[in-house]
Amino acid sequence: MRQCFNYWDSSLKTRNEITKIVPGLRVAFFVAALLASILLVACGGGGTVTPPPSGPFSNASLKGQYAYTMSGLDPNGAYFARAGSFTADGNGNITGGLEDALNLSAGEPASTTAFTGGTYQVQSNGRVEATLTGANGLQLPLSLMMQSSSQGFLLETDLNAVCSGTFFLQTSSSFTAAALGNPYVFDLSGVSFSGGNAAPVAMVGKLTGDGNGAITGGVMDTNDGNNPASSGATPIAPGTYALDTNGNGANFGRGMMEFNGRTFAFYIVDATHFKLIEEDSLGGSAGDALQQSPGIPTQNGQFTGSFVYMVQGFAVVGPQGPVDLVARFTADGNGGLSATTQDINNDGRYTHLSGNISAATYAMDTANSGSGRGEFTFTSGSSTFSNVFYLISPSQGAVLATSPGLVGSGPIYAQTGGPFSVNGSVGSYVTNWTGVQLGSTTAVPIQEAFVGQYALSNATSSNIAGVTDYVQLGVSTKNVNSNIVLSGTLMMQNDSTANNLYKFVLNGSTSVTVNFQAYFVNPRMAFLVCSDNLRTLGGIVTQQ
């Protein structure tokens, strides 16, 4: 089973987390993961530990109240998600927190847990070892990588799940119903139980809150693996939201929200951003909602320029398995796309698509006026790739894959600052990659999630130096790999706006090389898809 994540960079008001993929128990891929006991090639645990790259961070850098979402899979291959809030005092102590956790293999409703304390230690490169402590000895160990004092990535390290995501500094003055009186674009993904079977689901849309506890409307698209075709634009009926009145709302920004038959717990980051975790009988999902800005494109002539997007998901027809893809296009303002290129890894089968692209078009949705919704499609050979998107601003949004048999979603950004070069991207970076390591002769997967930090120099070779933490869970493999030395190389191609080689070497007990194709959003951030045939892995690198 596998997870995907959607990524938002709050400095650009875009979303980081992901999509997740989920157990489809009817699918042989998942059944094998649950039942087989086959030794797979793995990166291995332990390994060399060296001093981390230097940086400006200390315990004082992690101070305040932070909201987080994490998602992935448990050891049984079932969907697992967490959403919550914790408070760090700037001196290495966690002073409190609250969390909603959803484990679909347990067959129980989501649980809400209070954290009463804990500790953390921040290294100078922004790597954090933290433990949240609750009642009855409950402990949640985490590895965090700080992009800044206000946001970063986090990874669960207790081997109860392969679970990673993002955290953001909260603004407690926004813990009110009035703060959510805005239009928001949301991106949710997880598992659906429609039809009585577990299958991946992804939902992207726009909803509007009135600031007084009512959701007044909106529109959304759903792609459900039990019925692998997009629902099309579906109106959001009036719904409700309310902060908890037992103190959790005022103290942690937690509340409950209902729309279109689904129930969510939410945690407010600020008036522009909140996190969601689904808690109902329809399945489970998690994600983020970002405030939609005024002046978004609503007509073809207003949607112009180059864009990069990433989708992580799952193929539910044909050779079923995990899918990661990164792509770019240029919109001409008249419904046409050019300079379209895509790199896709479908269950270990990597393909680069560029020169044979045809029928590349887009259309802004004028029937749902003001929604920021649009569609685009292109054909390569016998394959047609179609997508729906919702704009958060003129330069960013969320994408839902609607290609036949593909369920997934992810972020889309305007591509700026090109042509790109290694010199132009020199700096310190944090990473979050998620996916599946595949065996050489079997589809039984090892689930993987990575968070890391490294420095990129302008050397012509071996210009990456850093560390990474990662977790692996498989039928016969359970590894927590901490502070593993990371090296590698970034090589820009002639057309730097498309696929560039980003090679990373994990120098653990054995040396493992992972090759990515990178599409730069701007000189400070890139989306990555693995081009190796033993991994379906994707994610982000973004500057600290």
Protein backbone atom coordinates (compact mmCIF):
# COMPACT_ATOMS: atom_id res chain seq x y z
CA MET A 1 0.00 0.00 0.00
CA ARG A 2 1.19 3.39 -0.53
CA GLN A 3 0.74 6.96 0.35
CA CYS A 4 1.02 10.15 -1.60
CA PHE A 5 1.37 13.60 -0.20
CA ASN A 6 0.41 17.05 -1.34
CA TYR A 7 2.79 19.88 -0.60
CA TRP A 8 2.03 23.45 0.35
CA ASP A 9 4.71 26.06 0.93
CA SER A 10 3.09 28.63 3.19
CA SER A 11 5.55 31.31 2.16
CA LEU A 12 3.81 31.03 -1.23
CA LYS A 13 0.48 30.10 0.34
CA THR A 14 0.47 26.72 -1.30
CA ARG A 15 -0.05 23.44 0.15
CA ASN A 16 2.34 20.81 1.36
CA GLU A 17 0.96 17.47 2.21
CA ILE A 18 -0.27 15.23 0.53
CA THR A 19 -2.28 12.91 -1.11
CA LYS A 20 -2.21 9.52 0.17
CA ILE A 21 -2.74 6.26 -1.41
CA VAL A 22 -4.67 3.64 0.25
CA PRO A 23 -5.31 0.01 0.71
CA GLY A 24 -7.47 -1.40 -2.04
CA LEU A 25 -8.05 -4.79 -0.56
CA ARG A 26 -9.48 -6.15 -3.82
CA VAL A 27 -6.27 -5.27 -5.63
CA ALA A 28 -3.69 -8.04 -5.85
CA PHE A 29 -0.93 -5.55 -5.16
CA PHE A 30 -2.37 -4.86 -1.74
CA VAL A 31 -3.33 -8.45 -1.00
CA ALA A 32 0.25 -9.51 -1.64
CA ALA A 33 1.50 -6.79 0.67
CA LEU A 34 -0.70 -8.12 3.43
CA LEU A 35 -0.16 -11.85 2.96
CA ALA A 36 3.22 -12.53 1.39
CA SER A 37 6.48 -12.86 3.31
CA ILE A 38 9.16 -12.24 0.74
CA LEU A 39 12.62 -10.85 1.39
CA LEU A 40 13.02 -7.60 -0.54
CA VAL A 41 16.04 -5.51 -1.29
CA ALA A 42 16.06 -2.65 1.23
CA CYS A 43 18.29 0.26 2.05
CA GLY A 44 19.05 -1.17 5.45
CA GLY A 45 19.06 0.36 8.88
CA GLY A 46 21.75 2.03 10.91
CA GLY A 47 24.70 3.46 9.03
CA THR A 48 27.28 6.15 9.34
CA VAL A 49 26.43 9.15 11.47
CA THR A 50 28.39 12.36 10.96
CA PRO A 51 27.95 15.85 12.35
CA PRO A 52 25.03 17.55 10.61
CA PRO A 53 25.56 20.46 8.23
CA SER A 54 25.79 23.70 10.15
CA GLY A 55 22.97 26.20 10.21
CA PRO A 56 21.25 28.90 12.25
CA PHE A 57 18.79 26.71 14.17
CA SER A 58 18.59 25.98 17.91
CA ASN A 59 15.92 24.95 20.43
CA ALA A 60 14.79 28.58 20.46
CA SER A 61 13.88 28.27 16.76
CA LEU A 62 11.00 25.90 17.56
CA LYS A 63 8.83 28.06 19.77
CA GLY A 64 5.07 28.49 19.72
CA GLN A 65 2.05 26.47 18.75
CA TYR A 66 2.16 24.34 15.58
CA ALA A 67 -0.58 22.55 13.62
CA TYR A 68 0.32 19.43 11.68
CA THR A 69 -1.09 16.74 9.41
CA MET A 70 0.53 13.41 8.63
CA SER A 71 -0.67 10.48 6.60
CA GLY A 72 0.49 7.12 5.34
CA LEU A 73 0.00 3.43 6.05
CA ASP A 74 0.21 1.18 9.08
CA PRO A 75 2.07 -2.20 9.09
CA ASN A 76 -1.08 -3.91 7.80
CA GLY A 77 -1.16 -1.64 4.77
CA ALA A 78 -4.21 0.29 5.96
CA TYR A 79 -4.63 4.06 5.68
CA PHE A 80 -3.38 6.02 8.68
CA ALA A 81 -3.59 9.76 9.34
CA ARG A 82 -2.91 12.25 12.12
CA ALA A 83 -3.88 15.90 12.55
CA GLY A 84 -3.16 17.96 15.60
CA SER A 85 -1.43 20.77 17.43
CA PHE A 86 1.53 20.93 19.81
CA THR A 87 3.24 23.71 21.75
CA ALA A 88 7.03 24.07 22.01
CA ASP A 89 8.51 26.40 24.65
CA GLY A 90 11.77 27.28 22.85
CA ASN A 91 13.81 25.46 25.52
CA GLY A 92 13.39 21.84 24.42
CA ASN A 93 10.05 21.12 26.11
CA ILE A 94 6.64 20.25 24.66
CA THR A 95 4.12 21.83 27.01
CA GLY A 96 0.93 20.37 25.55
CA GLY A 97 -0.93 19.24 22.48
CA LEU A 98 -3.95 17.56 20.96
CA GLU A 99 -4.33 15.09 18.11
CA ASP A 100 -6.96 13.32 16.00
CA ALA A 101 -5.72 9.95 14.71
CA LEU A 102 -7.41 7.70 12.16
CA ASN A 103 -6.35 4.06 11.68
CA LEU A 104 -8.68 2.27 9.30
CA SER A 105 -7.21 -1.17 10.01
CA ALA A 106 -8.46 -0.88 13.59
CA GLY A 107 -12.05 -0.59 12.36
CA GLU A 108 -12.72 2.05 14.99
CA PRO A 109 -13.72 5.71 14.84
CA ALA A 110 -11.02 8.37 14.91
CA SER A 111 -9.62 9.02 18.36
CA THR A 112 -8.70 12.33 19.99
CA THR A 113 -5.69 12.31 22.32
CA ALA A 114 -4.28 15.00 24.59
CA PHE A 115 -0.52 15.38 24.90
CA THR A 116 0.59 16.58 28.31
CA GLY A 117 4.28 17.08 27.65
CA GLY A 118 7.35 15.92 25.81
CA THR A 119 10.81 16.99 24.75
CA TYR A 120 12.68 18.03 21.62
CA GLN A 121 16.22 18.79 20.52
CA VAL A 122 16.98 21.04 17.54
CA GLN A 123 20.26 20.61 15.67
CA SER A 124 21.89 23.54 13.93
CA ASN A 125 20.78 22.32 10.49
CA GLY A 126 17.09 22.35 11.52
CA ARG A 127 16.80 18.62 12.21
CA VAL A 128 14.66 17.98 15.29
CA GLU A 129 14.22 14.87 17.41
CA ALA A 130 10.93 15.23 19.33
CA THR A 131 8.66 13.09 21.46
CA LEU A 132 5.08 14.02 22.35
CA THR A 133 3.89 12.40 25.60
CA GLY A 134 0.31 11.62 26.61
CA ALA A 135 -1.49 9.78 29.35
CA ASN A 136 -0.73 6.16 30.29
CA GLY A 137 2.79 6.35 28.88
CA LEU A 138 1.68 7.17 25.33
CA GLN A 139 4.56 8.52 23.27
CA LEU A 140 4.73 9.76 19.70
CA PRO A 141 8.35 10.06 18.49
CA LEU A 142 8.90 12.37 15.54
CA SER A 143 11.68 13.57 13.29
CA LEU A 144 11.17 17.14 12.10
CA MET A 145 13.03 19.10 9.44
CA MET A 146 12.57 22.85 9.83
CA GLN A 147 12.32 24.92 6.68
CA SER A 148 12.04 27.92 8.98
CA SER A 149 10.87 28.67 12.51
CA SER A 150 7.29 28.69 11.19
CA GLN A 151 7.07 25.53 9.04
CA GLY A 152 8.65 22.27 7.97
CA PHE A 153 8.21 18.53 7.45
CA LEU A 154 7.73 15.78 10.03
CA LEU A 155 8.01 12.00 10.12
CA GLU A 156 6.68 9.44 12.61
CA THR A 157 9.53 7.19 13.79
CA ASP A 158 7.91 4.54 16.06
CA LEU A 159 7.28 2.03 13.22
CA ASN A 160 3.55 2.06 13.95
CA ALA A 161 3.10 3.62 10.51
CA VAL A 162 4.95 5.12 7.56
CA CYS A 163 3.49 8.54 8.18
CA SER A 164 4.83 11.98 7.23
CA GLY A 165 3.52 15.46 6.53
CA THR A 166 3.88 19.12 7.38
CA PHE A 167 3.69 21.48 10.35
CA PHE A 168 2.95 25.21 10.47
CA LEU A 169 3.11 27.86 13.19
CA GLN A 170 -0.40 28.70 14.39
CA THR A 171 -1.87 32.14 15.11
CA SER A 172 -3.97 31.67 18.22
CA SER A 173 -5.92 34.90 17.63
CA SER A 174 -7.44 33.09 14.59
CA PHE A 175 -9.01 30.38 16.77
CA THR A 176 -12.49 31.76 16.09
CA ALA A 177 -15.37 31.01 13.75
CA ALA A 178 -15.01 34.50 12.31
CA ALA A 179 -11.50 33.71 11.08
CA LEU A 180 -12.93 31.18 8.60
CA GLY A 181 -15.15 33.66 6.82
CA ASN A 182 -13.31 33.27 3.52
CA PRO A 183 -13.26 31.17 0.34
CA TYR A 184 -10.82 28.26 0.54
CA VAL A 185 -9.38 25.77 -1.94
CA PHE A 186 -8.92 22.31 -0.42
CA ASP A 187 -7.06 19.19 -1.48
CA LEU A 188 -7.95 15.94 0.32
CA SER A 189 -6.92 12.39 -0.34
CA GLY A 190 -7.17 9.05 1.37
CA VAL A 191 -9.38 5.98 1.15
CA SER A 192 -12.99 5.46 0.15
CA PHE A 193 -15.35 2.69 1.28
CA SER A 194 -17.94 3.35 -1.39
CA GLY A 195 -19.15 0.08 -2.83
CA GLY A 196 -18.02 -1.76 0.28
CA ASN A 197 -14.35 -1.91 -0.73
CA ALA A 198 -11.31 0.13 0.20
CA ALA A 199 -9.96 2.19 -2.69
CA PRO A 200 -8.00 5.43 -3.10
CA VAL A 201 -9.90 8.69 -3.28
CA ALA A 202 -8.90 12.29 -4.00
CA MET A 203 -11.05 15.42 -3.68
CA VAL A 204 -10.24 18.97 -4.75
CA GLY A 205 -12.54 21.95 -4.58
CA LYS A 206 -13.55 25.34 -3.23
CA LEU A 207 -15.75 26.06 -0.24
CA THR A 208 -16.79 29.31 1.39
CA GLY A 209 -17.32 29.99 5.09
CA ASP A 210 -19.44 32.89 6.32
CA GLY A 211 -17.48 33.56 9.53
CA ASN A 212 -20.46 32.54 11.62
CA GLY A 213 -20.39 28.73 11.45
CA ALA A 214 -21.96 28.15 8.02
CA ILE A 215 -20.49 26.85 4.80
CA THR A 216 -22.47 28.75 2.23
CA GLY A 217 -21.49 26.81 -0.88
CA GLY A 218 -18.78 25.97 -3.34
CA VAL A 219 -17.89 23.30 -5.87
CA MET A 220 -15.71 20.19 -5.79
CA ASP A 221 -14.44 17.30 -7.92
CA THR A 222 -13.98 13.76 -6.61
CA ASN A 223 -12.07 10.84 -8.08
CA ASP A 224 -12.98 7.61 -6.27
CA GLY A 225 -11.08 4.41 -7.04
CA ASN A 226 -14.24 2.37 -6.56
CA ASN A 227 -15.65 4.25 -9.53
CA PRO A 228 -12.51 5.40 -11.35
CA ALA A 229 -13.75 8.50 -13.11
CA SER A 230 -14.01 12.08 -11.97
CA SER A 231 -17.38 13.12 -10.59
CA GLY A 232 -17.16 16.37 -12.51
CA ALA A 233 -17.97 19.70 -10.89
CA THR A 234 -20.31 18.94 -7.98
CA PRO A 235 -21.95 21.77 -5.99
CA ILE A 236 -21.12 21.92 -2.29
CA ALA A 237 -24.41 22.10 -0.43
CA PRO A 238 -24.72 24.39 2.60
CA GLY A 239 -22.84 22.91 5.57
CA THR A 240 -21.61 23.83 9.02
CA TYR A 241 -18.46 24.29 11.05
CA ALA A 242 -17.83 25.08 14.71
CA LEU A 243 -14.89 25.23 17.06
CA ASP A 244 -14.95 22.87 20.03
CA THR A 245 -16.52 24.39 23.12
CA ASN A 246 -14.70 22.16 25.63
CA GLY A 247 -11.51 24.23 25.49
CA ASN A 248 -9.94 22.45 22.53
CA GLY A 249 -11.18 25.14 20.16
CA ALA A 250 -9.77 28.05 22.12
CA ASN A 251 -6.58 26.22 23.07
CA PHE A 252 -5.69 24.35 19.88
CA GLY A 253 -7.89 25.79 17.11
CA ARG A 254 -9.76 22.50 16.77
CA GLY A 255 -13.30 22.18 15.47
CA MET A 256 -15.66 20.07 13.38
CA MET A 257 -16.88 20.70 9.82
CA GLU A 258 -19.51 19.02 7.65
CA PHE A 259 -20.19 19.35 3.94
CA ASN A 260 -21.53 17.08 1.19
CA GLY A 261 -22.12 14.21 3.57
CA ARG A 262 -18.59 14.17 4.98
CA THR A 263 -17.43 15.06 8.49
CA PHE A 264 -14.00 16.50 9.30
CA ALA A 265 -12.03 17.62 12.30
CA PHE A 266 -10.06 20.77 11.53
CA TYR A 267 -7.15 22.62 13.09
CA ILE A 268 -6.73 26.31 12.27
CA VAL A 269 -3.26 27.52 11.29
CA ASP A 270 -4.46 31.08 10.70
CA ALA A 271 -7.26 32.82 8.81
CA THR A 272 -5.68 31.79 5.49
CA HIS A 273 -5.05 28.11 6.25
CA PHE A 274 -6.53 25.17 8.11
CA LYS A 275 -5.90 21.43 8.19
CA LEU A 276 -8.52 18.70 7.80
CA ILE A 277 -8.91 15.03 8.71
CA GLU A 278 -12.02 13.11 7.67
CA GLU A 279 -13.91 11.19 10.37
CA ASP A 280 -16.98 9.44 8.95
CA SER A 281 -18.15 6.11 7.57
CA LEU A 282 -17.34 7.00 3.96
CA GLY A 283 -13.64 6.32 4.52
CA GLY A 284 -10.81 8.59 5.60
CA SER A 285 -8.83 11.44 4.10
CA ALA A 286 -6.66 14.36 5.14
CA GLY A 287 -5.31 17.54 3.64
CA ASP A 288 -5.19 21.32 3.74
CA ALA A 289 -7.40 24.26 2.82
CA LEU A 290 -5.86 27.58 1.68
CA GLN A 291 -7.62 30.90 1.31
CA GLN A 292 -8.40 31.78 -2.29
CA SER A 293 -7.22 35.23 -3.24
CA PRO A 294 -9.26 37.79 -5.19
CA GLY A 295 -8.51 38.23 -8.86
CA ILE A 296 -7.97 34.59 -9.77
CA PRO A 297 -8.24 33.77 -13.48
CA THR A 298 -11.78 32.86 -14.51
CA GLN A 299 -11.44 32.95 -18.30
CA ASN A 300 -9.00 31.39 -20.75
CA GLY A 301 -7.44 34.73 -21.59
CA GLN A 302 -6.50 35.29 -17.95
CA PHE A 303 -4.71 31.96 -17.53
CA THR A 304 -1.32 32.35 -19.18
CA GLY A 305 2.31 31.44 -18.60
CA SER A 306 4.24 28.32 -17.64
CA PHE A 307 3.16 25.98 -14.84
CA VAL A 308 4.64 22.97 -13.04
CA TYR A 309 2.53 20.40 -11.21
CA MET A 310 2.95 17.15 -9.31
CA VAL A 311 0.52 14.26 -8.81
CA GLN A 312 0.97 11.33 -6.44
CA GLY A 313 -1.61 8.60 -6.62
CA PHE A 314 -2.52 5.12 -7.72
CA ALA A 315 -3.50 3.30 -10.90
CA VAL A 316 -6.72 1.38 -10.27
CA VAL A 317 -7.04 -0.27 -13.70
CA GLY A 318 -4.57 -2.25 -15.79
CA PRO A 319 -1.27 -2.99 -14.03
CA GLN A 320 -2.42 -1.49 -10.74
CA GLY A 321 0.16 0.19 -8.53
CA PRO A 322 1.54 3.49 -7.22
CA VAL A 323 2.02 6.43 -9.58
CA ASP A 324 4.12 9.58 -9.26
CA LEU A 325 4.37 12.19 -11.98
CA VAL A 326 5.74 15.69 -12.49
CA ALA A 327 4.96 17.82 -15.55
CA ARG A 328 4.97 21.33 -17.00
CA PHE A 329 3.14 23.27 -19.72
CA THR A 330 2.73 26.77 -21.08
CA ALA A 331 -0.79 28.20 -21.43
CA ASP A 332 -1.25 30.59 -24.35
CA GLY A 333 -4.32 32.50 -23.09
CA ASN A 334 -6.47 31.03 -25.84
CA GLY A 335 -7.10 27.47 -24.64
CA GLY A 336 -3.91 25.95 -26.03
CA LEU A 337 -0.91 24.36 -24.29
CA SER A 338 2.65 24.21 -25.59
CA ALA A 339 6.07 23.09 -24.26
CA THR A 340 4.25 20.23 -22.52
CA THR A 341 6.49 17.60 -20.93
CA GLN A 342 5.90 14.95 -18.27
CA ASP A 343 7.93 12.41 -16.28
CA ILE A 344 5.93 9.57 -14.77
CA ASN A 345 6.77 6.51 -12.69
CA ASN A 346 3.96 3.96 -12.79
CA ASP A 347 4.76 1.12 -10.38
CA GLY A 348 8.46 1.20 -11.30
CA ARG A 349 7.93 1.85 -15.01
CA TYR A 350 9.48 5.26 -15.70
CA THR A 351 8.67 7.25 -18.86
CA HIS A 352 9.59 10.72 -20.11
CA LEU A 353 7.02 12.30 -22.44
CA SER A 354 7.78 15.41 -24.48
CA GLY A 355 8.09 15.51 -28.27
CA ASN A 356 5.08 13.30 -29.03
CA ILE A 357 2.52 15.45 -27.18
CA SER A 358 -0.67 16.35 -29.06
CA ALA A 359 -4.18 17.68 -28.42
CA ALA A 360 -2.91 19.79 -25.52
CA THR A 361 -5.70 22.14 -24.42
CA TYR A 362 -7.18 23.83 -21.35
CA ALA A 363 -10.44 25.54 -20.43
CA MET A 364 -11.41 27.67 -17.46
CA ASP A 365 -14.81 26.75 -16.04
CA THR A 366 -17.26 29.54 -16.87
CA ALA A 367 -20.30 27.56 -15.71
CA ASN A 368 -19.06 27.81 -12.11
CA SER A 369 -18.21 31.48 -12.33
CA GLY A 370 -15.56 32.71 -9.90
CA SER A 371 -14.59 29.23 -8.72
CA GLY A 372 -11.08 29.30 -10.19
CA ARG A 373 -11.78 25.85 -11.60
CA GLY A 374 -10.31 24.70 -14.89
CA GLU A 375 -9.42 21.59 -16.85
CA PHE A 376 -6.50 20.62 -19.06
CA THR A 377 -5.63 17.56 -21.13
CA PHE A 378 -2.99 16.26 -23.52
CA THR A 379 -2.28 13.07 -25.44
CA SER A 380 0.95 11.11 -25.84
CA GLY A 381 0.77 8.11 -28.13
CA SER A 382 -2.25 6.07 -27.06
CA SER A 383 -2.45 7.67 -23.59
CA THR A 384 -4.54 10.71 -22.70
CA PHE A 385 -3.81 12.61 -19.49
CA SER A 386 -6.59 14.79 -18.09
CA ASN A 387 -6.73 16.94 -14.97
CA VAL A 388 -8.94 19.38 -13.07
CA PHE A 389 -7.43 22.29 -11.15
CA TYR A 390 -8.61 24.89 -8.66
CA LEU A 391 -6.60 28.11 -8.35
CA ILE A 392 -5.69 29.53 -4.94
CA SER A 393 -4.12 32.54 -6.63
CA PRO A 394 -3.01 33.35 -10.18
CA SER A 395 0.25 31.50 -9.47
CA GLN A 396 -0.76 28.41 -7.49
CA GLY A 397 -3.49 25.85 -6.97
CA ALA A 398 -4.40 22.20 -6.55
CA VAL A 399 -4.67 19.54 -9.29
CA LEU A 400 -6.88 16.43 -9.40
CA ALA A 401 -5.91 13.70 -11.87
CA THR A 402 -8.93 12.60 -13.90
CA SER A 403 -7.16 10.36 -16.41
CA PRO A 404 -8.93 7.01 -16.84
CA GLY A 405 -7.91 4.68 -14.01
CA LEU A 406 -5.64 7.14 -12.19
CA VAL A 407 -6.55 8.52 -8.74
CA GLY A 408 -4.32 11.23 -7.29
CA SER A 409 -3.79 14.92 -6.67
CA GLY A 410 -1.12 17.48 -5.91
CA PRO A 411 0.01 21.10 -6.19
CA ILE A 412 0.41 23.31 -9.26
CA TYR A 413 2.57 26.48 -9.41
CA ALA A 414 3.47 29.10 -11.94
CA GLN A 415 7.05 28.42 -13.05
CA THR A 416 9.18 31.52 -12.50
CA GLY A 417 12.86 32.49 -12.49
CA GLY A 418 14.04 30.32 -15.38
CA PRO A 419 16.21 29.37 -17.12
CA PHE A 420 17.55 27.59 -14.07
CA SER A 421 21.14 26.81 -13.09
CA VAL A 422 23.00 25.14 -10.25
CA ASN A 423 24.61 28.46 -9.35
CA GLY A 424 21.20 30.08 -9.14
CA SER A 425 19.93 27.43 -6.73
CA VAL A 426 22.85 27.29 -4.30
CA GLY A 427 21.71 27.10 -0.67
CA SER A 428 20.35 24.86 2.08
CA TYR A 429 17.30 22.68 1.41
CA VAL A 430 14.81 20.50 3.25
CA THR A 431 13.18 17.48 1.66
CA ASN A 432 10.12 15.24 1.95
CA TRP A 433 9.79 12.18 -0.31
CA THR A 434 7.24 9.39 -0.01
CA GLY A 435 6.53 6.23 -1.94
CA VAL A 436 7.23 2.55 -2.39
CA GLN A 437 10.34 0.46 -2.87
CA LEU A 438 9.53 -2.48 -5.15
CA GLY A 439 11.17 -5.90 -5.18
CA SER A 440 13.08 -7.02 -8.25
CA THR A 441 10.69 -9.92 -8.92
CA THR A 442 7.56 -9.03 -6.99
CA ALA A 443 5.14 -6.17 -6.49
CA VAL A 444 5.18 -6.59 -2.71
CA PRO A 445 6.22 -3.11 -1.57
CA ILE A 446 8.29 -1.57 1.16
CA GLN A 447 6.62 1.69 2.13
CA GLU A 448 9.06 4.58 2.50
CA ALA A 449 8.99 8.16 3.78
CA PHE A 450 11.99 10.51 3.95
CA VAL A 451 12.66 13.90 5.55
CA GLY A 452 16.08 15.46 5.13
CA GLN A 453 18.30 18.51 4.95
CA TYR A 454 21.29 19.26 2.74
CA ALA A 455 23.44 22.02 1.31
CA LEU A 456 23.70 22.48 -2.47
CA SER A 457 26.98 24.01 -3.65
CA ASN A 458 27.94 25.27 -7.09
CA ALA A 459 30.52 22.54 -7.63
CA THR A 460 30.24 20.69 -10.91
CA SER A 461 30.11 17.28 -9.19
CA SER A 462 29.16 15.88 -5.78
CA ASN A 463 27.51 19.19 -4.95
CA ILE A 464 25.06 17.82 -2.35
CA ALA A 465 25.99 17.23 1.31
CA GLY A 466 23.52 16.62 4.13
CA VAL A 467 21.56 14.07 6.15
CA THR A 468 18.20 12.31 5.95
CA ASP A 469 15.90 10.34 8.23
CA TYR A 470 13.62 7.72 6.75
CA VAL A 471 11.24 4.95 7.72
CA GLN A 472 10.59 1.71 5.83
CA LEU A 473 7.79 -0.75 6.47
CA GLY A 474 7.27 -3.97 4.55
CA VAL A 475 6.15 -7.52 5.18
CA SER A 476 9.61 -8.49 6.41
CA THR A 477 11.26 -5.07 6.68
CA LYS A 478 10.94 -2.49 9.46
CA ASN A 479 13.61 0.18 9.58
CA VAL A 480 14.05 3.58 11.19
CA ASN A 481 17.12 5.18 9.64
CA SER A 482 18.32 8.28 11.49
CA ASN A 483 20.81 10.95 10.47
CA ILE A 484 22.00 9.01 7.40
CA VAL A 485 24.64 10.87 5.42
CA LEU A 486 23.25 12.27 2.16
CA SER A 487 25.39 13.11 -0.85
CA GLY A 488 24.76 13.43 -4.56
CA THR A 489 24.64 15.67 -7.59
CA LEU A 490 22.32 18.12 -9.30
CA MET A 491 22.82 18.31 -13.07
CA MET A 492 20.81 20.80 -15.11
CA GLN A 493 19.72 19.75 -18.60
CA ASN A 494 19.80 22.02 -21.65
CA ASP A 495 16.11 22.84 -21.14
CA SER A 496 16.30 23.44 -17.41
CA THR A 497 12.57 24.19 -17.21
CA ALA A 498 11.82 20.47 -17.66
CA ASN A 499 13.46 17.33 -16.28
CA ASN A 500 16.85 17.72 -14.55
CA LEU A 501 18.87 14.93 -12.91
CA TYR A 502 18.86 15.16 -9.09
CA LYS A 503 20.86 12.19 -7.79
CA PHE A 504 21.00 11.36 -4.08
CA VAL A 505 23.23 8.78 -2.39
CA LEU A 506 22.23 7.40 1.02
CA ASN A 507 25.47 6.48 2.76
CA GLY A 508 24.16 4.06 5.37
CA SER A 509 25.33 0.55 6.19
CA THR A 510 25.28 0.11 2.43
CA SER A 511 25.39 2.87 -0.18
CA VAL A 512 22.15 3.32 -2.12
CA THR A 513 21.64 5.71 -5.04
CA VAL A 514 18.22 7.17 -5.83
CA ASN A 515 17.81 9.02 -9.14
CA PHE A 516 15.15 11.71 -9.51
CA GLN A 517 13.97 13.86 -12.36
CA ALA A 518 13.44 17.39 -11.04
CA TYR A 519 11.16 20.12 -12.36
CA PHE A 520 11.99 23.50 -10.83
CA VAL A 521 9.07 25.66 -9.80
CA ASN A 522 11.51 28.47 -9.12
CA PRO A 523 15.21 28.56 -8.18
CA ARG A 524 14.27 27.71 -4.56
CA MET A 525 11.90 24.76 -5.01
CA ALA A 526 11.55 21.66 -7.20
CA PHE A 527 9.19 18.70 -7.54
CA LEU A 528 10.86 15.31 -7.93
CA VAL A 529 9.87 11.93 -9.38
CA CYS A 530 12.10 8.86 -9.09
CA SER A 531 13.33 7.49 -12.43
CA ASP A 532 14.56 4.15 -11.05
CA ASN A 533 12.67 0.94 -11.77
CA LEU A 534 12.77 -0.35 -8.18
CA ARG A 535 11.05 2.67 -6.63
CA THR A 536 7.96 4.74 -7.16
CA LEU A 537 8.92 7.77 -5.11
CA GLY A 538 8.16 11.46 -5.33
CA GLY A 539 8.25 14.67 -3.37
CA ILE A 540 9.76 18.07 -2.92
CA VAL A 541 12.97 19.92 -2.18
CA THR A 542 12.64 23.51 -0.97
CA GLN A 543 15.13 26.02 0.38
CA GLN A 544 15.45 26.75 4.09
